[in-house]
Amino acid sequence: MNRPAPVEMSCENMCFLITHNPTSATLSKFTEELKKYEVTTLVRVCDVTHDKAPVEKEGIRVLDWPFDDGAPPPNQVVDDWLNLLKTKFQILMY
């Protein structure tokens, strides 16, 4: 099965990479892509489809904040996301 290429999005000093949800079979290639884009934190919002240990072994922090596909994120996920942005990009949230 062909997977779509990662989509890179930027806003001011922030950069985000949107990717497919890998499986254990595609995890090695997926991790290579993350490293190519210098990803330091991976936020998984879908059902877990792979072990995070191999990704974390490459120095990439993995956070699991799943919620139903097509549904708005719960308030806690939004709060966690905003806190992550504040920490990673040292920005002020209003």
C-alpha atoms as a PDB file:
ATOM      1  CA  MET A   1       0.000   0.000   0.000  1.00  0.00           C
ATOM      2  CA  ASN A   2       1.373   3.402  -0.933  1.00  0.00           C
ATOM      3  CA  ARG A   3       1.296   5.986   1.815  1.00  0.00           C
ATOM      4  CA  PRO A   4       0.959   9.727   1.174  1.00  0.00           C
ATOM      5  CA  ALA A   5       4.070  11.834   1.553  1.00  0.00           C
ATOM      6  CA  PRO A   6       4.405  13.884   4.740  1.00  0.00           C
ATOM      7  CA  VAL A   7       2.989  17.396   4.578  1.00  0.00           C
ATOM      8  CA  GLU A   8       5.079  20.144   6.151  1.00  0.00           C
ATOM      9  CA  MET A   9       3.297  23.202   7.533  1.00  0.00           C
ATOM     10  CA  SER A  10       4.924  26.330   8.964  1.00  0.00           C
ATOM     11  CA  CYS A  11       3.632  29.299  10.890  1.00  0.00           C
ATOM     12  CA  GLU A  12       6.091  31.942  12.046  1.00  0.00           C
ATOM     13  CA  ASN A  13       8.847  30.057  13.912  1.00  0.00           C
ATOM     14  CA  MET A  14       6.824  26.838  14.205  1.00  0.00           C
ATOM     15  CA  CYS A  15       7.000  23.866  11.863  1.00  0.00           C
ATOM     16  CA  PHE A  16       4.707  20.837  11.824  1.00  0.00           C
ATOM     17  CA  LEU A  17       4.773  17.608   9.870  1.00  0.00           C
ATOM     18  CA  ILE A  18       1.512  15.786   9.157  1.00  0.00           C
ATOM     19  CA  THR A  19       1.995  12.116   8.328  1.00  0.00           C
ATOM     20  CA  HIS A  20       0.125   8.881   7.826  1.00  0.00           C
ATOM     21  CA  ASN A  21      -0.329   6.470  10.718  1.00  0.00           C
ATOM     22  CA  PRO A  22       2.458   3.895  10.282  1.00  0.00           C
ATOM     23  CA  THR A  23       2.346   0.224  11.117  1.00  0.00           C
ATOM     24  CA  SER A  24       5.078  -1.894  12.597  1.00  0.00           C
ATOM     25  CA  ALA A  25       5.950  -2.962   9.028  1.00  0.00           C
ATOM     26  CA  THR A  26       6.469   0.649   7.853  1.00  0.00           C
ATOM     27  CA  LEU A  27       7.961   2.005  11.088  1.00  0.00           C
ATOM     28  CA  SER A  28      11.591   1.968   9.944  1.00  0.00           C
ATOM     29  CA  LYS A  29      10.867   4.082   6.844  1.00  0.00           C
ATOM     30  CA  PHE A  30       8.544   6.312   8.877  1.00  0.00           C
ATOM     31  CA  THR A  31      11.278   6.979  11.446  1.00  0.00           C
ATOM     32  CA  GLU A  32      13.738   7.793   8.646  1.00  0.00           C
ATOM     33  CA  GLU A  33      11.288  10.411   7.361  1.00  0.00           C
ATOM     34  CA  LEU A  34      10.890  11.927  10.824  1.00  0.00           C
ATOM     35  CA  LYS A  35      14.653  12.209  11.209  1.00  0.00           C
ATOM     36  CA  LYS A  36      14.964  13.750   7.731  1.00  0.00           C
ATOM     37  CA  TYR A  37      12.611  16.523   8.840  1.00  0.00           C
ATOM     38  CA  GLU A  38      14.415  16.833  12.213  1.00  0.00           C
ATOM     39  CA  VAL A  39      11.295  15.924  14.196  1.00  0.00           C
ATOM     40  CA  THR A  40      11.848  16.027  17.967  1.00  0.00           C
ATOM     41  CA  THR A  41       8.294  15.324  19.188  1.00  0.00           C
ATOM     42  CA  LEU A  42       5.677  13.037  17.674  1.00  0.00           C
ATOM     43  CA  VAL A  43       2.060  13.495  18.771  1.00  0.00           C
ATOM     44  CA  ARG A  44      -0.103  10.466  17.994  1.00  0.00           C
ATOM     45  CA  VAL A  45      -3.815  11.346  17.844  1.00  0.00           C
ATOM     46  CA  CYS A  46      -4.979   8.166  16.088  1.00  0.00           C
ATOM     47  CA  ASP A  47      -5.237   4.655  17.418  1.00  0.00           C
ATOM     48  CA  VAL A  48      -1.796   3.280  18.242  1.00  0.00           C
ATOM     49  CA  THR A  49      -0.545   1.084  15.389  1.00  0.00           C
ATOM     50  CA  HIS A  50       3.106   0.674  16.352  1.00  0.00           C
ATOM     51  CA  ASP A  51       5.429   0.422  19.319  1.00  0.00           C
ATOM     52  CA  LYS A  52       6.845   3.818  20.249  1.00  0.00           C
ATOM     53  CA  ALA A  53      10.128   2.416  21.636  1.00  0.00           C
ATOM     54  CA  PRO A  54      11.962   2.306  18.249  1.00  0.00           C
ATOM     55  CA  VAL A  55      10.971   5.933  17.583  1.00  0.00           C
ATOM     56  CA  GLU A  56      12.023   7.079  21.045  1.00  0.00           C
ATOM     57  CA  LYS A  57      15.307   5.182  20.604  1.00  0.00           C
ATOM     58  CA  GLU A  58      16.035   7.634  17.770  1.00  0.00           C
ATOM     59  CA  GLY A  59      15.631  10.555  20.186  1.00  0.00           C
ATOM     60  CA  ILE A  60      12.067  11.454  19.211  1.00  0.00           C
ATOM     61  CA  ARG A  61       9.637  11.991  22.084  1.00  0.00           C
ATOM     62  CA  VAL A  62       6.261  10.263  21.507  1.00  0.00           C
ATOM     63  CA  LEU A  63       3.056  11.619  23.056  1.00  0.00           C
ATOM     64  CA  ASP A  64      -0.256   9.748  22.832  1.00  0.00           C
ATOM     65  CA  TRP A  65      -3.333  12.016  22.734  1.00  0.00           C
ATOM     66  CA  PRO A  66      -5.868   9.884  20.824  1.00  0.00           C
ATOM     67  CA  PHE A  67      -9.381  10.944  20.018  1.00  0.00           C
ATOM     68  CA  ASP A  68     -12.039   9.693  17.607  1.00  0.00           C
ATOM     69  CA  ASP A  69     -11.300  10.220  13.916  1.00  0.00           C
ATOM     70  CA  GLY A  70     -13.426  13.048  12.540  1.00  0.00           C
ATOM     71  CA  ALA A  71     -14.353  14.324  15.992  1.00  0.00           C
ATOM     72  CA  PRO A  72     -13.092  17.558  17.516  1.00  0.00           C
ATOM     73  CA  PRO A  73     -10.295  17.029  20.014  1.00  0.00           C
ATOM     74  CA  PRO A  74     -11.350  16.957  23.662  1.00  0.00           C
ATOM     75  CA  ASN A  75     -10.542  20.031  25.747  1.00  0.00           C
ATOM     76  CA  GLN A  76      -7.703  18.185  27.480  1.00  0.00           C
ATOM     77  CA  VAL A  77      -6.007  17.438  24.143  1.00  0.00           C
ATOM     78  CA  VAL A  78      -6.353  21.101  23.113  1.00  0.00           C
ATOM     79  CA  ASP A  79      -4.886  22.236  26.450  1.00  0.00           C
ATOM     80  CA  ASP A  80      -2.031  19.726  26.163  1.00  0.00           C
ATOM     81  CA  TRP A  81      -1.350  20.875  22.583  1.00  0.00           C
ATOM     82  CA  LEU A  82      -1.239  24.562  23.585  1.00  0.00           C
ATOM     83  CA  ASN A  83       1.080  23.742  26.484  1.00  0.00           C
ATOM     84  CA  LEU A  84       3.345  21.804  24.120  1.00  0.00           C
ATOM     85  CA  LEU A  85       3.477  24.794  21.761  1.00  0.00           C
ATOM     86  CA  LYS A  86       4.346  27.117  24.643  1.00  0.00           C
ATOM     87  CA  THR A  87       7.133  24.805  25.747  1.00  0.00           C
ATOM     88  CA  LYS A  88       8.591  23.914  22.334  1.00  0.00           C
ATOM     89  CA  PHE A  89       8.332  27.320  20.713  1.00  0.00           C
ATOM     90  CA  GLN A  90       8.362  29.579  23.757  1.00  0.00           C
ATOM     91  CA  ILE A  91       5.322  31.497  22.610  1.00  0.00           C
ATOM     92  CA  LEU A  92       2.677  33.342  24.548  1.00  0.00           C
ATOM     93  CA  MET A  93      -0.875  32.083  24.391  1.00  0.00           C
ATOM     94  CA  TYR A  94      -3.730  34.477  24.957  1.00  0.00           C
END
